Amino acid sequence: MDFQELNDKVSNFDVNDIDWNNMGSWPLAGRIFFAVLMFVAVLVGMYFFDVQGLTEEYDSVQAKEETLKKDFETKAFRVANLAGYKKQLTEIEGSFGSLLRQLPKDTEVPGLLDDITSAALGASLQIKSIKLDKEVETEYYTELPISIDVVGEYHDFGAFVSAVAGLGRIVTLHDFEVVSANESDANKLNLKIVAKTYRYASEGKRKKKKRKKK
């Protein structure tokens, strides 16, 4: 069959003559046309199916690329500042060690009480009582509350608080109460305050506390 004959048959092809239940009886031109049409349809379907899958894969890879870029930038920044971090860590460790040295040992607590007593007397205060309260233990340190009850004038209390704050050990002041101490002398006041110092928990005690928690 030459091209002219095929063209004539395609031109004379009538869709109404198609027997869809018996494709084998179709004219040759109809069968060729249908085969070409199906082939094109399959190609188009495969194209759009692959493109959609590739588009989704591309979006996923692009999102992963952005995440990797941010991760790389973060790590690059850390590497660039590693020397600074090490220096900062050394400074923090030094400061921490300095703070630990300020925490009194068991044998130093009586000396701390003597220092507080001296601060009160140096501020011209009358000492009613200075005593240790029950210790409060945490994982890393033990809190030592000291109840202080003194009598004096208001400006003397300021001198006393300043002296305690200037001690060589860490001491914090809490729960202060000031009331009149003498009805006949309005300048005489009674100060009740709780001073807290801290003792560093040893490695053995910290491990023991962790085991108890478990």
C-alpha atoms as a PDB file:
ATOM      1  CA  MET A   1       0.000   0.000   0.000  1.00  0.00           C
ATOM      2  CA  ASP A   2       1.443   3.356  -1.054  1.00  0.00           C
ATOM      3  CA  PHE A   3       0.978   6.645   0.805  1.00  0.00           C
ATOM      4  CA  GLN A   4      -1.672   7.944  -1.620  1.00  0.00           C
ATOM      5  CA  GLU A   5      -3.821   4.871  -1.149  1.00  0.00           C
ATOM      6  CA  LEU A   6      -3.501   5.165   2.683  1.00  0.00           C
ATOM      7  CA  ASN A   7      -4.427   8.840   2.494  1.00  0.00           C
ATOM      8  CA  ASP A   8      -7.518   8.065   0.407  1.00  0.00           C
ATOM      9  CA  LYS A   9      -8.667   5.461   2.910  1.00  0.00           C
ATOM     10  CA  VAL A  10      -8.152   7.814   5.845  1.00  0.00           C
ATOM     11  CA  SER A  11     -10.132  10.487   3.978  1.00  0.00           C
ATOM     12  CA  ASN A  12     -12.995   8.089   3.340  1.00  0.00           C
ATOM     13  CA  PHE A  13     -12.930   6.746   6.937  1.00  0.00           C
ATOM     14  CA  ASP A  14     -16.325   7.139   8.670  1.00  0.00           C
ATOM     15  CA  VAL A  15     -16.469   6.924  12.482  1.00  0.00           C
ATOM     16  CA  ASN A  16     -20.022   5.580  12.295  1.00  0.00           C
ATOM     17  CA  ASP A  17     -18.750   2.491  10.503  1.00  0.00           C
ATOM     18  CA  ILE A  18     -16.588   1.501  13.474  1.00  0.00           C
ATOM     19  CA  ASP A  19     -17.518  -1.760  15.182  1.00  0.00           C
ATOM     20  CA  TRP A  20     -16.065  -1.297  18.674  1.00  0.00           C
ATOM     21  CA  ASN A  21     -16.855  -4.920  19.543  1.00  0.00           C
ATOM     22  CA  ASN A  22     -14.808  -6.271  16.636  1.00  0.00           C
ATOM     23  CA  MET A  23     -11.746  -4.135  16.122  1.00  0.00           C
ATOM     24  CA  GLY A  24     -10.243  -6.786  13.849  1.00  0.00           C
ATOM     25  CA  SER A  25     -12.867  -5.946  11.214  1.00  0.00           C
ATOM     26  CA  TRP A  26     -11.837  -2.280  11.103  1.00  0.00           C
ATOM     27  CA  PRO A  27     -10.311  -0.944   7.944  1.00  0.00           C
ATOM     28  CA  LEU A  28      -6.542  -0.840   7.990  1.00  0.00           C
ATOM     29  CA  ALA A  29      -6.556   2.940   8.112  1.00  0.00           C
ATOM     30  CA  GLY A  30      -8.778   2.907  11.201  1.00  0.00           C
ATOM     31  CA  ARG A  31      -6.624   0.393  12.977  1.00  0.00           C
ATOM     32  CA  ILE A  32      -3.471   2.380  12.220  1.00  0.00           C
ATOM     33  CA  PHE A  33      -5.074   5.620  13.336  1.00  0.00           C
ATOM     34  CA  PHE A  34      -6.360   4.063  16.580  1.00  0.00           C
ATOM     35  CA  ALA A  35      -2.976   2.469  17.296  1.00  0.00           C
ATOM     36  CA  VAL A  36      -1.212   5.792  16.744  1.00  0.00           C
ATOM     37  CA  LEU A  37      -3.793   7.556  18.917  1.00  0.00           C
ATOM     38  CA  MET A  38      -3.357   5.058  21.755  1.00  0.00           C
ATOM     39  CA  PHE A  39       0.430   5.270  21.453  1.00  0.00           C
ATOM     40  CA  VAL A  40       0.305   9.070  21.716  1.00  0.00           C
ATOM     41  CA  ALA A  41      -2.122   8.871  24.669  1.00  0.00           C
ATOM     42  CA  VAL A  42       0.193   6.464  26.491  1.00  0.00           C
ATOM     43  CA  LEU A  43       3.177   8.726  25.856  1.00  0.00           C
ATOM     44  CA  VAL A  44       1.279  11.783  27.109  1.00  0.00           C
ATOM     45  CA  GLY A  45       0.081   9.902  30.210  1.00  0.00           C
ATOM     46  CA  MET A  46       3.569   8.657  30.993  1.00  0.00           C
ATOM     47  CA  TYR A  47       4.977  12.136  30.478  1.00  0.00           C
ATOM     48  CA  PHE A  48       2.590  13.809  32.920  1.00  0.00           C
ATOM     49  CA  PHE A  49       2.883  10.973  35.431  1.00  0.00           C
ATOM     50  CA  ASP A  50       6.686  11.134  35.388  1.00  0.00           C
ATOM     51  CA  VAL A  51       6.714  14.932  35.498  1.00  0.00           C
ATOM     52  CA  GLN A  52       4.431  15.013  38.520  1.00  0.00           C
ATOM     53  CA  GLY A  53       6.572  12.441  40.346  1.00  0.00           C
ATOM     54  CA  LEU A  54       9.761  14.260  39.424  1.00  0.00           C
ATOM     55  CA  THR A  55       8.268  17.582  40.559  1.00  0.00           C
ATOM     56  CA  GLU A  56       7.392  16.152  43.965  1.00  0.00           C
ATOM     57  CA  GLU A  57      10.858  14.581  44.220  1.00  0.00           C
ATOM     58  CA  TYR A  58      12.447  17.895  43.229  1.00  0.00           C
ATOM     59  CA  ASP A  59      10.486  19.788  45.903  1.00  0.00           C
ATOM     60  CA  SER A  60      11.546  17.216  48.502  1.00  0.00           C
ATOM     61  CA  VAL A  61      15.202  17.403  47.482  1.00  0.00           C
ATOM     62  CA  GLN A  62      15.058  21.200  47.443  1.00  0.00           C
ATOM     63  CA  ALA A  63      13.616  21.292  50.976  1.00  0.00           C
ATOM     64  CA  LYS A  64      16.313  18.856  52.130  1.00  0.00           C
ATOM     65  CA  GLU A  65      18.932  21.059  50.482  1.00  0.00           C
ATOM     66  CA  GLU A  66      17.708  24.109  52.441  1.00  0.00           C
ATOM     67  CA  THR A  67      17.856  22.121  55.688  1.00  0.00           C
ATOM     68  CA  LEU A  68      21.387  20.931  54.916  1.00  0.00           C
ATOM     69  CA  LYS A  69      22.451  24.497  54.080  1.00  0.00           C
ATOM     70  CA  LYS A  70      21.173  25.815  57.412  1.00  0.00           C
ATOM     71  CA  ASP A  71      22.808  22.913  59.257  1.00  0.00           C
ATOM     72  CA  PHE A  72      26.075  23.593  57.436  1.00  0.00           C
ATOM     73  CA  GLU A  73      25.906  27.323  58.239  1.00  0.00           C
ATOM     74  CA  THR A  74      25.287  26.579  61.927  1.00  0.00           C
ATOM     75  CA  LYS A  75      28.186  24.114  62.128  1.00  0.00           C
ATOM     76  CA  ALA A  76      30.465  26.427  60.149  1.00  0.00           C
ATOM     77  CA  PHE A  77      29.669  29.242  62.585  1.00  0.00           C
ATOM     78  CA  ARG A  78      30.460  26.985  65.542  1.00  0.00           C
ATOM     79  CA  VAL A  79      33.743  25.862  64.003  1.00  0.00           C
ATOM     80  CA  ALA A  80      34.720  29.452  63.234  1.00  0.00           C
ATOM     81  CA  ASN A  81      34.029  30.429  66.851  1.00  0.00           C
ATOM     82  CA  LEU A  82      35.441  27.267  68.445  1.00  0.00           C
ATOM     83  CA  ALA A  83      38.440  29.078  69.910  1.00  0.00           C
ATOM     84  CA  GLY A  84      36.170  31.663  71.482  1.00  0.00           C
ATOM     85  CA  TYR A  85      33.919  28.949  72.940  1.00  0.00           C
ATOM     86  CA  LYS A  86      36.922  27.175  74.465  1.00  0.00           C
ATOM     87  CA  LYS A  87      38.136  30.412  76.006  1.00  0.00           C
ATOM     88  CA  GLN A  88      34.670  31.148  77.353  1.00  0.00           C
ATOM     89  CA  LEU A  89      34.422  27.626  78.782  1.00  0.00           C
ATOM     90  CA  THR A  90      37.767  28.070  80.526  1.00  0.00           C
ATOM     91  CA  GLU A  91      36.576  31.353  82.022  1.00  0.00           C
ATOM     92  CA  ILE A  92      33.309  29.761  83.191  1.00  0.00           C
ATOM     93  CA  GLU A  93      35.189  26.861  84.790  1.00  0.00           C
ATOM     94  CA  GLY A  94      37.463  29.350  86.553  1.00  0.00           C
ATOM     95  CA  SER A  95      34.483  31.368  87.823  1.00  0.00           C
ATOM     96  CA  PHE A  96      32.737  28.194  88.950  1.00  0.00           C
ATOM     97  CA  GLY A  97      35.816  27.060  90.834  1.00  0.00           C
ATOM     98  CA  SER A  98      36.070  30.471  92.471  1.00  0.00           C
ATOM     99  CA  LEU A  99      32.439  30.231  93.587  1.00  0.00           C
ATOM    100  CA  LEU A 100      32.996  26.736  94.951  1.00  0.00           C
ATOM    101  CA  ARG A 101      35.890  27.975  97.039  1.00  0.00           C
ATOM    102  CA  GLN A 102      33.527  30.509  98.587  1.00  0.00           C
ATOM    103  CA  LEU A 103      31.204  27.773  99.816  1.00  0.00           C
ATOM    104  CA  PRO A 104      32.141  26.913 103.394  1.00  0.00           C
ATOM    105  CA  LYS A 105      33.133  23.438 104.509  1.00  0.00           C
ATOM    106  CA  ASP A 106      31.677  21.866 107.611  1.00  0.00           C
ATOM    107  CA  THR A 107      34.630  22.980 109.689  1.00  0.00           C
ATOM    108  CA  GLU A 108      34.268  26.596 108.476  1.00  0.00           C
ATOM    109  CA  VAL A 109      30.638  27.122 109.539  1.00  0.00           C
ATOM    110  CA  PRO A 110      31.517  28.094 113.153  1.00  0.00           C
ATOM    111  CA  GLY A 111      33.966  30.633 111.756  1.00  0.00           C
ATOM    112  CA  LEU A 112      31.207  32.047 109.571  1.00  0.00           C
ATOM    113  CA  LEU A 113      28.984  32.451 112.630  1.00  0.00           C
ATOM    114  CA  ASP A 114      31.825  34.314 114.318  1.00  0.00           C
ATOM    115  CA  ASP A 115      32.127  36.604 111.281  1.00  0.00           C
ATOM    116  CA  ILE A 116      28.395  37.395 111.372  1.00  0.00           C
ATOM    117  CA  THR A 117      28.618  38.061 115.101  1.00  0.00           C
ATOM    118  CA  SER A 118      31.561  40.407 114.552  1.00  0.00           C
ATOM    119  CA  ALA A 119      29.627  42.211 111.796  1.00  0.00           C
ATOM    120  CA  ALA A 120      26.685  42.733 114.155  1.00  0.00           C
ATOM    121  CA  LEU A 121      28.889  44.024 116.988  1.00  0.00           C
ATOM    122  CA  GLY A 122      30.809  46.226 114.554  1.00  0.00           C
ATOM    123  CA  ALA A 123      27.512  47.833 113.552  1.00  0.00           C
ATOM    124  CA  SER A 124      26.723  48.550 117.240  1.00  0.00           C
ATOM    125  CA  LEU A 125      23.881  46.047 117.317  1.00  0.00           C
ATOM    126  CA  GLN A 126      22.730  44.152 120.378  1.00  0.00           C
ATOM    127  CA  ILE A 127      22.652  40.445 119.575  1.00  0.00           C
ATOM    128  CA  LYS A 128      19.665  38.541 120.885  1.00  0.00           C
ATOM    129  CA  SER A 129      20.450  35.317 119.021  1.00  0.00           C
ATOM    130  CA  ILE A 130      22.344  33.931 116.019  1.00  0.00           C
ATOM    131  CA  LYS A 131      21.691  30.248 115.408  1.00  0.00           C
ATOM    132  CA  LEU A 132      21.812  27.637 112.704  1.00  0.00           C
ATOM    133  CA  ASP A 133      18.509  26.238 111.429  1.00  0.00           C
ATOM    134  CA  LYS A 134      17.844  22.866 109.818  1.00  0.00           C
ATOM    135  CA  GLU A 135      19.887  22.260 106.659  1.00  0.00           C
ATOM    136  CA  VAL A 136      18.162  21.946 103.279  1.00  0.00           C
ATOM    137  CA  GLU A 137      19.883  19.524 100.874  1.00  0.00           C
ATOM    138  CA  THR A 138      19.692  19.704  97.077  1.00  0.00           C
ATOM    139  CA  GLU A 139      21.496  17.677  94.405  1.00  0.00           C
ATOM    140  CA  TYR A 140      24.495  19.992  94.143  1.00  0.00           C
ATOM    141  CA  TYR A 141      24.664  21.892  97.411  1.00  0.00           C
ATOM    142  CA  THR A 142      23.425  22.065 100.980  1.00  0.00           C
ATOM    143  CA  GLU A 143      21.679  25.221 102.148  1.00  0.00           C
ATOM    144  CA  LEU A 144      22.516  26.413 105.673  1.00  0.00           C
ATOM    145  CA  PRO A 145      19.952  28.886 107.088  1.00  0.00           C
ATOM    146  CA  ILE A 146      21.094  31.105 109.973  1.00  0.00           C
ATOM    147  CA  SER A 147      18.417  32.931 111.992  1.00  0.00           C
ATOM    148  CA  ILE A 148      19.602  36.326 113.221  1.00  0.00           C
ATOM    149  CA  ASP A 149      17.804  38.408 115.853  1.00  0.00           C
ATOM    150  CA  VAL A 150      19.419  41.757 116.711  1.00  0.00           C
ATOM    151  CA  VAL A 151      18.416  45.125 118.169  1.00  0.00           C
ATOM    152  CA  GLY A 152      19.683  48.528 117.084  1.00  0.00           C
ATOM    153  CA  GLU A 153      18.904  51.633 115.110  1.00  0.00           C
ATOM    154  CA  TYR A 154      17.789  51.643 111.513  1.00  0.00           C
ATOM    155  CA  HIS A 155      21.034  52.988 110.002  1.00  0.00           C
ATOM    156  CA  ASP A 156      22.976  50.366 112.016  1.00  0.00           C
ATOM    157  CA  PHE A 157      21.046  47.644 110.184  1.00  0.00           C
ATOM    158  CA  GLY A 158      22.326  49.021 106.886  1.00  0.00           C
ATOM    159  CA  ALA A 159      25.921  48.850 108.120  1.00  0.00           C
ATOM    160  CA  PHE A 160      25.355  45.272 109.315  1.00  0.00           C
ATOM    161  CA  VAL A 161      23.858  44.118 106.006  1.00  0.00           C
ATOM    162  CA  SER A 162      26.762  45.687 104.091  1.00  0.00           C
ATOM    163  CA  ALA A 163      29.290  43.959 106.344  1.00  0.00           C
ATOM    164  CA  VAL A 164      27.616  40.555 105.850  1.00  0.00           C
ATOM    165  CA  ALA A 165      27.492  41.076 102.074  1.00  0.00           C
ATOM    166  CA  GLY A 166      31.220  41.798 102.129  1.00  0.00           C
ATOM    167  CA  LEU A 167      32.196  38.552 103.830  1.00  0.00           C
ATOM    168  CA  GLY A 168      34.569  36.201 102.034  1.00  0.00           C
ATOM    169  CA  ARG A 169      31.847  33.556 101.819  1.00  0.00           C
ATOM    170  CA  ILE A 170      28.594  33.519  99.850  1.00  0.00           C
ATOM    171  CA  VAL A 171      25.842  34.695 102.186  1.00  0.00           C
ATOM    172  CA  THR A 172      22.361  35.774 101.085  1.00  0.00           C
ATOM    173  CA  LEU A 173      19.790  37.523 103.277  1.00  0.00           C
ATOM    174  CA  HIS A 174      16.082  36.657 103.319  1.00  0.00           C
ATOM    175  CA  ASP A 175      12.791  37.164 105.175  1.00  0.00           C
ATOM    176  CA  PHE A 176      13.722  40.272 107.146  1.00  0.00           C
ATOM    177  CA  GLU A 177      11.317  41.762 109.676  1.00  0.00           C
ATOM    178  CA  VAL A 178      11.755  45.064 111.527  1.00  0.00           C
ATOM    179  CA  VAL A 179       9.581  45.964 114.534  1.00  0.00           C
ATOM    180  CA  SER A 180       9.840  48.374 117.426  1.00  0.00           C
ATOM    181  CA  ALA A 181      12.043  46.997 120.211  1.00  0.00           C
ATOM    182  CA  ASN A 182      11.353  49.563 122.920  1.00  0.00           C
ATOM    183  CA  GLU A 183       8.176  51.593 123.354  1.00  0.00           C
ATOM    184  CA  SER A 184      10.061  54.306 125.271  1.00  0.00           C
ATOM    185  CA  ASP A 185      12.732  54.644 122.546  1.00  0.00           C
ATOM    186  CA  ALA A 186      11.402  54.861 119.004  1.00  0.00           C
ATOM    187  CA  ASN A 187      14.917  54.588 117.554  1.00  0.00           C
ATOM    188  CA  LYS A 188      15.458  51.106 118.955  1.00  0.00           C
ATOM    189  CA  LEU A 189      14.298  48.493 116.464  1.00  0.00           C
ATOM    190  CA  ASN A 190      14.313  44.720 116.421  1.00  0.00           C
ATOM    191  CA  LEU A 191      15.607  43.104 113.210  1.00  0.00           C
ATOM    192  CA  LYS A 192      14.892  39.467 112.469  1.00  0.00           C
ATOM    193  CA  ILE A 193      16.494  38.146 109.315  1.00  0.00           C
ATOM    194  CA  VAL A 194      17.582  34.814 107.839  1.00  0.00           C
ATOM    195  CA  ALA A 195      21.067  34.565 106.375  1.00  0.00           C
ATOM    196  CA  LYS A 196      21.702  31.616 104.064  1.00  0.00           C
ATOM    197  CA  THR A 197      25.047  30.174 103.117  1.00  0.00           C
ATOM    198  CA  TYR A 198      25.739  27.118 101.007  1.00  0.00           C
ATOM    199  CA  ARG A 199      27.992  24.090 101.210  1.00  0.00           C
ATOM    200  CA  TYR A 200      28.990  22.247  98.054  1.00  0.00           C
ATOM    201  CA  ALA A 201      27.828  18.638  97.979  1.00  0.00           C
ATOM    202  CA  SER A 202      30.681  16.173  97.484  1.00  0.00           C
ATOM    203  CA  GLU A 203      30.742  13.826  94.495  1.00  0.00           C
ATOM    204  CA  GLY A 204      29.864  10.845  96.700  1.00  0.00           C
ATOM    205  CA  LYS A 205      26.854  12.577  98.215  1.00  0.00           C
ATOM    206  CA  ARG A 206      25.556  13.654  94.788  1.00  0.00           C
ATOM    207  CA  LYS A 207      25.753  10.082  93.466  1.00  0.00           C
ATOM    208  CA  LYS A 208      24.006   8.808  96.578  1.00  0.00           C
ATOM    209  CA  LYS A 209      21.163  11.327  96.109  1.00  0.00           C
ATOM    210  CA  LYS A 210      20.790  10.310  92.454  1.00  0.00           C
ATOM    211  CA  ARG A 211      20.496   6.633  93.450  1.00  0.00           C
ATOM    212  CA  LYS A 212      17.810   7.501  95.999  1.00  0.00           C
ATOM    213  CA  LYS A 213      15.820   9.375  93.337  1.00  0.00           C
ATOM    214  CA  LYS A 214      15.917   6.321  91.053  1.00  0.00           C
END
